Amino acid sequence: MIRTLEFLVRLLILALPLYLILGLGISLLPMQIATGNQSRWVLDNMGFRTQQDGAFIAVEDNVKPPFYFYLNDDCTGWKSMLFLFALIFAVPGVMMSRRLWGLAAGIPVIWAGNIARVVAVVVSERVYGLETAMLIHDYLWQIGLIVLVLTIWTIWLSWVRREQRKHTLLGRLKSLLLGAR
């Protein structure tokens, strides 16, 4: 009960940077441009013609008129990455190295998932139209990124717990062996 309460309090405190970034209106334009560059690379390799001006993207094919869209701050996946950070650092009693391993493994997966989200929205717009693309963007992928973050965290948490049990068992075994001398 106490550890759960500690986790929740830490999670709330670690969520404060979200409100700080939103409240101060900090520009995430470099992340927006990087998201655009990598999304364009995937789309170009899928056969689309793309152009980029900052965070504005134009996608063309030989079938429909161009699709223009703007990658705003939320299109970068920064909230998902911050949430993973908060989840990992809110867990009490974990060594810093294990937390950093969790972030080092999890952040690139979230980044890739976010690029897949942008690409999927563009492809769905090209194939099924804007209404379907917006439905996928507004609902399916938001839920998808939440599930992705929680899955990464759950995998990390089970790895941490397994490592802690292994370390505890080795310590007990060592003390038993050394105590038997």
C-alpha atoms as a PDB file:
ATOM      1  CA  MET A   1       0.000   0.000   0.000  1.00  0.00           C
ATOM      2  CA  ILE A   2       2.783   2.441   0.956  1.00  0.00           C
ATOM      3  CA  ARG A   3       4.817   1.582  -2.178  1.00  0.00           C
ATOM      4  CA  THR A   4       1.740   2.089  -4.358  1.00  0.00           C
ATOM      5  CA  LEU A   5       1.113   5.472  -2.757  1.00  0.00           C
ATOM      6  CA  GLU A   6       4.798   6.362  -3.209  1.00  0.00           C
ATOM      7  CA  PHE A   7       4.561   5.358  -6.876  1.00  0.00           C
ATOM      8  CA  LEU A   8       1.466   7.510  -7.423  1.00  0.00           C
ATOM      9  CA  VAL A   9       2.932  10.564  -5.673  1.00  0.00           C
ATOM     10  CA  ARG A  10       6.163  10.243  -7.647  1.00  0.00           C
ATOM     11  CA  LEU A  11       4.194   9.831 -10.892  1.00  0.00           C
ATOM     12  CA  LEU A  12       2.246  13.012 -10.171  1.00  0.00           C
ATOM     13  CA  ILE A  13       5.431  14.936  -9.419  1.00  0.00           C
ATOM     14  CA  LEU A  14       7.124  13.594 -12.556  1.00  0.00           C
ATOM     15  CA  ALA A  15       4.125  14.738 -14.612  1.00  0.00           C
ATOM     16  CA  LEU A  16       4.873  18.376 -13.721  1.00  0.00           C
ATOM     17  CA  PRO A  17       7.248  18.896 -16.695  1.00  0.00           C
ATOM     18  CA  LEU A  18       4.261  18.248 -18.979  1.00  0.00           C
ATOM     19  CA  TYR A  19       2.428  21.225 -17.509  1.00  0.00           C
ATOM     20  CA  LEU A  20       5.600  23.312 -17.478  1.00  0.00           C
ATOM     21  CA  ILE A  21       6.212  22.697 -21.191  1.00  0.00           C
ATOM     22  CA  LEU A  22       2.567  23.351 -22.039  1.00  0.00           C
ATOM     23  CA  GLY A  23       2.305  26.394 -19.775  1.00  0.00           C
ATOM     24  CA  LEU A  24       5.479  28.067 -20.977  1.00  0.00           C
ATOM     25  CA  GLY A  25       4.687  27.328 -24.606  1.00  0.00           C
ATOM     26  CA  ILE A  26       8.107  25.796 -25.206  1.00  0.00           C
ATOM     27  CA  SER A  27       8.648  25.237 -28.915  1.00  0.00           C
ATOM     28  CA  LEU A  28       9.284  21.685 -30.007  1.00  0.00           C
ATOM     29  CA  LEU A  29       9.961  22.704 -33.607  1.00  0.00           C
ATOM     30  CA  PRO A  30      13.224  20.704 -33.841  1.00  0.00           C
ATOM     31  CA  MET A  31      11.291  17.547 -32.879  1.00  0.00           C
ATOM     32  CA  GLN A  32       8.521  18.459 -35.308  1.00  0.00           C
ATOM     33  CA  ILE A  33      11.042  18.840 -38.135  1.00  0.00           C
ATOM     34  CA  ALA A  34      12.793  15.574 -37.196  1.00  0.00           C
ATOM     35  CA  THR A  35       9.430  13.778 -37.132  1.00  0.00           C
ATOM     36  CA  GLY A  36       8.673  15.245 -40.543  1.00  0.00           C
ATOM     37  CA  ASN A  37      12.053  14.270 -41.980  1.00  0.00           C
ATOM     38  CA  GLN A  38      11.782  10.672 -40.841  1.00  0.00           C
ATOM     39  CA  SER A  39       8.118  10.359 -41.838  1.00  0.00           C
ATOM     40  CA  ARG A  40       8.974  11.766 -45.262  1.00  0.00           C
ATOM     41  CA  TRP A  41      11.805   9.266 -45.645  1.00  0.00           C
ATOM     42  CA  VAL A  42       9.385   6.378 -45.016  1.00  0.00           C
ATOM     43  CA  LEU A  43       6.722   7.852 -47.300  1.00  0.00           C
ATOM     44  CA  ASP A  44       9.258   8.514 -50.060  1.00  0.00           C
ATOM     45  CA  ASN A  45      10.408   4.905 -49.826  1.00  0.00           C
ATOM     46  CA  MET A  46       6.781   3.813 -50.123  1.00  0.00           C
ATOM     47  CA  GLY A  47       6.530   5.607 -53.467  1.00  0.00           C
ATOM     48  CA  PHE A  48       4.897   8.891 -52.414  1.00  0.00           C
ATOM     49  CA  ARG A  49       6.323  12.241 -53.422  1.00  0.00           C
ATOM     50  CA  THR A  50       6.747  14.518 -50.440  1.00  0.00           C
ATOM     51  CA  GLN A  51       7.876  18.033 -49.740  1.00  0.00           C
ATOM     52  CA  GLN A  52       8.625  19.623 -46.409  1.00  0.00           C
ATOM     53  CA  ASP A  53       8.822  23.206 -45.247  1.00  0.00           C
ATOM     54  CA  GLY A  54       9.587  23.205 -41.532  1.00  0.00           C
ATOM     55  CA  ALA A  55       6.745  21.249 -39.945  1.00  0.00           C
ATOM     56  CA  PHE A  56       4.506  21.498 -43.035  1.00  0.00           C
ATOM     57  CA  ILE A  57       4.362  18.399 -45.232  1.00  0.00           C
ATOM     58  CA  ALA A  58       2.851  17.878 -48.666  1.00  0.00           C
ATOM     59  CA  VAL A  59       2.228  14.355 -49.943  1.00  0.00           C
ATOM     60  CA  GLU A  60       1.456  13.612 -53.569  1.00  0.00           C
ATOM     61  CA  ASP A  61       0.721  10.563 -55.624  1.00  0.00           C
ATOM     62  CA  ASN A  62      -0.597  10.065 -59.143  1.00  0.00           C
ATOM     63  CA  VAL A  63      -4.183   9.498 -58.019  1.00  0.00           C
ATOM     64  CA  LYS A  64      -5.422  12.297 -55.746  1.00  0.00           C
ATOM     65  CA  PRO A  65      -4.736  15.985 -55.189  1.00  0.00           C
ATOM     66  CA  PRO A  66      -1.902  16.710 -52.727  1.00  0.00           C
ATOM     67  CA  PHE A  67      -2.477  16.153 -49.013  1.00  0.00           C
ATOM     68  CA  TYR A  68      -1.098  18.990 -46.909  1.00  0.00           C
ATOM     69  CA  PHE A  69      -0.671  18.726 -43.165  1.00  0.00           C
ATOM     70  CA  TYR A  70       1.151  20.328 -40.272  1.00  0.00           C
ATOM     71  CA  LEU A  71       3.053  18.352 -37.661  1.00  0.00           C
ATOM     72  CA  ASN A  72       2.281  20.191 -34.429  1.00  0.00           C
ATOM     73  CA  ASP A  73       3.956  19.572 -31.066  1.00  0.00           C
ATOM     74  CA  ASP A  74       1.637  16.648 -30.322  1.00  0.00           C
ATOM     75  CA  CYS A  75       2.677  14.896 -33.545  1.00  0.00           C
ATOM     76  CA  THR A  76       6.178  14.318 -32.135  1.00  0.00           C
ATOM     77  CA  GLY A  77       5.224  11.742 -29.500  1.00  0.00           C
ATOM     78  CA  TRP A  78       6.849  13.857 -26.768  1.00  0.00           C
ATOM     79  CA  LYS A  79       3.994  13.283 -24.320  1.00  0.00           C
ATOM     80  CA  SER A  80       4.304   9.512 -24.734  1.00  0.00           C
ATOM     81  CA  MET A  81       8.056   9.699 -24.155  1.00  0.00           C
ATOM     82  CA  LEU A  82       7.589  11.907 -21.092  1.00  0.00           C
ATOM     83  CA  PHE A  83       4.938   9.523 -19.753  1.00  0.00           C
ATOM     84  CA  LEU A  84       7.306   6.565 -20.144  1.00  0.00           C
ATOM     85  CA  PHE A  85       9.987   8.563 -18.318  1.00  0.00           C
ATOM     86  CA  ALA A  86       7.534   9.344 -15.499  1.00  0.00           C
ATOM     87  CA  LEU A  87       6.381   5.723 -15.228  1.00  0.00           C
ATOM     88  CA  ILE A  88       9.933   4.375 -15.109  1.00  0.00           C
ATOM     89  CA  PHE A  89      11.191   6.940 -12.603  1.00  0.00           C
ATOM     90  CA  ALA A  90       8.100   6.674 -10.394  1.00  0.00           C
ATOM     91  CA  VAL A  91       8.785   3.031  -9.535  1.00  0.00           C
ATOM     92  CA  PRO A  92      10.464   2.999  -6.111  1.00  0.00           C
ATOM     93  CA  GLY A  93      13.596   1.007  -5.310  1.00  0.00           C
ATOM     94  CA  VAL A  94      15.072   0.665  -8.796  1.00  0.00           C
ATOM     95  CA  MET A  95      18.725   1.321  -9.596  1.00  0.00           C
ATOM     96  CA  MET A  96      19.419   4.285 -11.873  1.00  0.00           C
ATOM     97  CA  SER A  97      21.192   2.103 -14.442  1.00  0.00           C
ATOM     98  CA  ARG A  98      18.045  -0.003 -14.892  1.00  0.00           C
ATOM     99  CA  ARG A  99      15.935   3.129 -15.295  1.00  0.00           C
ATOM    100  CA  LEU A 100      18.308   4.430 -17.953  1.00  0.00           C
ATOM    101  CA  TRP A 101      18.260   1.079 -19.773  1.00  0.00           C
ATOM    102  CA  GLY A 102      14.476   1.272 -19.797  1.00  0.00           C
ATOM    103  CA  LEU A 103      14.547   4.726 -21.350  1.00  0.00           C
ATOM    104  CA  ALA A 104      17.312   3.806 -23.801  1.00  0.00           C
ATOM    105  CA  ALA A 105      15.236   0.880 -25.047  1.00  0.00           C
ATOM    106  CA  GLY A 106      11.789   2.463 -24.773  1.00  0.00           C
ATOM    107  CA  ILE A 107      12.212   5.944 -26.231  1.00  0.00           C
ATOM    108  CA  PRO A 108      13.335   4.721 -29.694  1.00  0.00           C
ATOM    109  CA  VAL A 109      10.408   2.289 -29.786  1.00  0.00           C
ATOM    110  CA  ILE A 110       7.990   5.123 -29.005  1.00  0.00           C
ATOM    111  CA  TRP A 111       9.692   7.319 -31.624  1.00  0.00           C
ATOM    112  CA  ALA A 112       9.315   4.563 -34.230  1.00  0.00           C
ATOM    113  CA  GLY A 113       5.701   3.993 -33.192  1.00  0.00           C
ATOM    114  CA  ASN A 114       5.012   7.688 -33.614  1.00  0.00           C
ATOM    115  CA  ILE A 115       6.590   7.735 -37.089  1.00  0.00           C
ATOM    116  CA  ALA A 116       4.409   4.721 -37.948  1.00  0.00           C
ATOM    117  CA  ARG A 117       1.395   6.718 -36.705  1.00  0.00           C
ATOM    118  CA  VAL A 118       2.169   9.656 -39.011  1.00  0.00           C
ATOM    119  CA  VAL A 119       2.760   7.346 -41.969  1.00  0.00           C
ATOM    120  CA  ALA A 120      -0.431   5.366 -41.259  1.00  0.00           C
ATOM    121  CA  VAL A 121      -2.504   8.539 -41.150  1.00  0.00           C
ATOM    122  CA  VAL A 122      -1.067   9.706 -44.485  1.00  0.00           C
ATOM    123  CA  VAL A 123      -1.579   6.321 -46.128  1.00  0.00           C
ATOM    124  CA  SER A 124      -5.142   6.085 -44.800  1.00  0.00           C
ATOM    125  CA  GLU A 125      -5.862   9.572 -46.177  1.00  0.00           C
ATOM    126  CA  ARG A 126      -4.502   8.575 -49.574  1.00  0.00           C
ATOM    127  CA  VAL A 127      -6.460   5.306 -49.644  1.00  0.00           C
ATOM    128  CA  TYR A 128      -9.677   6.005 -47.706  1.00  0.00           C
ATOM    129  CA  GLY A 129      -9.939   9.795 -47.512  1.00  0.00           C
ATOM    130  CA  LEU A 130      -9.539  12.521 -44.934  1.00  0.00           C
ATOM    131  CA  GLU A 131     -12.461  11.503 -42.715  1.00  0.00           C
ATOM    132  CA  THR A 132     -11.036   8.020 -42.155  1.00  0.00           C
ATOM    133  CA  ALA A 133      -7.545   9.423 -41.644  1.00  0.00           C
ATOM    134  CA  MET A 134      -8.819  11.791 -38.958  1.00  0.00           C
ATOM    135  CA  LEU A 135     -10.697   8.983 -37.216  1.00  0.00           C
ATOM    136  CA  ILE A 136      -7.519   6.897 -37.191  1.00  0.00           C
ATOM    137  CA  HIS A 137      -5.477   9.912 -36.038  1.00  0.00           C
ATOM    138  CA  ASP A 138      -7.839  11.078 -33.303  1.00  0.00           C
ATOM    139  CA  TYR A 139      -8.798   7.736 -31.778  1.00  0.00           C
ATOM    140  CA  LEU A 140      -6.970   4.612 -32.864  1.00  0.00           C
ATOM    141  CA  TRP A 141      -3.442   5.967 -32.761  1.00  0.00           C
ATOM    142  CA  GLN A 142      -3.900   7.860 -29.501  1.00  0.00           C
ATOM    143  CA  ILE A 143      -5.027   4.629 -27.885  1.00  0.00           C
ATOM    144  CA  GLY A 144      -2.273   2.792 -29.750  1.00  0.00           C
ATOM    145  CA  LEU A 145       0.469   5.024 -28.332  1.00  0.00           C
ATOM    146  CA  ILE A 146      -0.948   4.686 -24.810  1.00  0.00           C
ATOM    147  CA  VAL A 147      -0.949   0.907 -25.186  1.00  0.00           C
ATOM    148  CA  LEU A 148       2.597   1.036 -26.586  1.00  0.00           C
ATOM    149  CA  VAL A 149       3.882   3.075 -23.618  1.00  0.00           C
ATOM    150  CA  LEU A 150       2.150   0.830 -21.075  1.00  0.00           C
ATOM    151  CA  THR A 151       3.452  -2.288 -22.829  1.00  0.00           C
ATOM    152  CA  ILE A 152       7.030  -1.001 -22.826  1.00  0.00           C
ATOM    153  CA  TRP A 153       6.728  -0.054 -19.159  1.00  0.00           C
ATOM    154  CA  THR A 154       5.236  -3.439 -18.237  1.00  0.00           C
ATOM    155  CA  ILE A 155       8.042  -5.287 -20.054  1.00  0.00           C
ATOM    156  CA  TRP A 156      10.630  -3.065 -18.345  1.00  0.00           C
ATOM    157  CA  LEU A 157       8.987  -3.554 -14.949  1.00  0.00           C
ATOM    158  CA  SER A 158       8.942  -7.337 -15.301  1.00  0.00           C
ATOM    159  CA  TRP A 159      12.618  -7.263 -16.357  1.00  0.00           C
ATOM    160  CA  VAL A 160      13.505  -5.102 -13.332  1.00  0.00           C
ATOM    161  CA  ARG A 161      11.595  -7.356 -10.955  1.00  0.00           C
ATOM    162  CA  ARG A 162      13.235 -10.467 -12.439  1.00  0.00           C
ATOM    163  CA  GLU A 163      16.691  -8.878 -12.086  1.00  0.00           C
ATOM    164  CA  GLN A 164      15.950  -7.855  -8.495  1.00  0.00           C
ATOM    165  CA  ARG A 165      14.805 -11.385  -7.610  1.00  0.00           C
ATOM    166  CA  LYS A 166      17.918 -12.822  -9.252  1.00  0.00           C
ATOM    167  CA  HIS A 167      20.125 -10.387  -7.338  1.00  0.00           C
ATOM    168  CA  THR A 168      18.313 -11.155  -4.054  1.00  0.00           C
ATOM    169  CA  LEU A 169      18.587 -14.907  -4.598  1.00  0.00           C
ATOM    170  CA  LEU A 170      22.280 -14.648  -5.455  1.00  0.00           C
ATOM    171  CA  GLY A 171      22.864 -12.581  -2.321  1.00  0.00           C
ATOM    172  CA  ARG A 172      21.082 -15.139  -0.147  1.00  0.00           C
ATOM    173  CA  LEU A 173      22.952 -17.992  -1.772  1.00  0.00           C
ATOM    174  CA  LYS A 174      26.265 -16.194  -1.278  1.00  0.00           C
ATOM    175  CA  SER A 175      25.538 -15.532   2.394  1.00  0.00           C
ATOM    176  CA  LEU A 176      24.488 -19.159   2.900  1.00  0.00           C
ATOM    177  CA  LEU A 177      27.663 -20.420   1.251  1.00  0.00           C
ATOM    178  CA  LEU A 178      29.898 -17.975   3.083  1.00  0.00           C
ATOM    179  CA  GLY A 179      28.058 -18.578   6.355  1.00  0.00           C
ATOM    180  CA  ALA A 180      28.604 -22.330   6.038  1.00  0.00           C
ATOM    181  CA  ARG A 181      32.386 -21.963   6.215  1.00  0.00           C
END
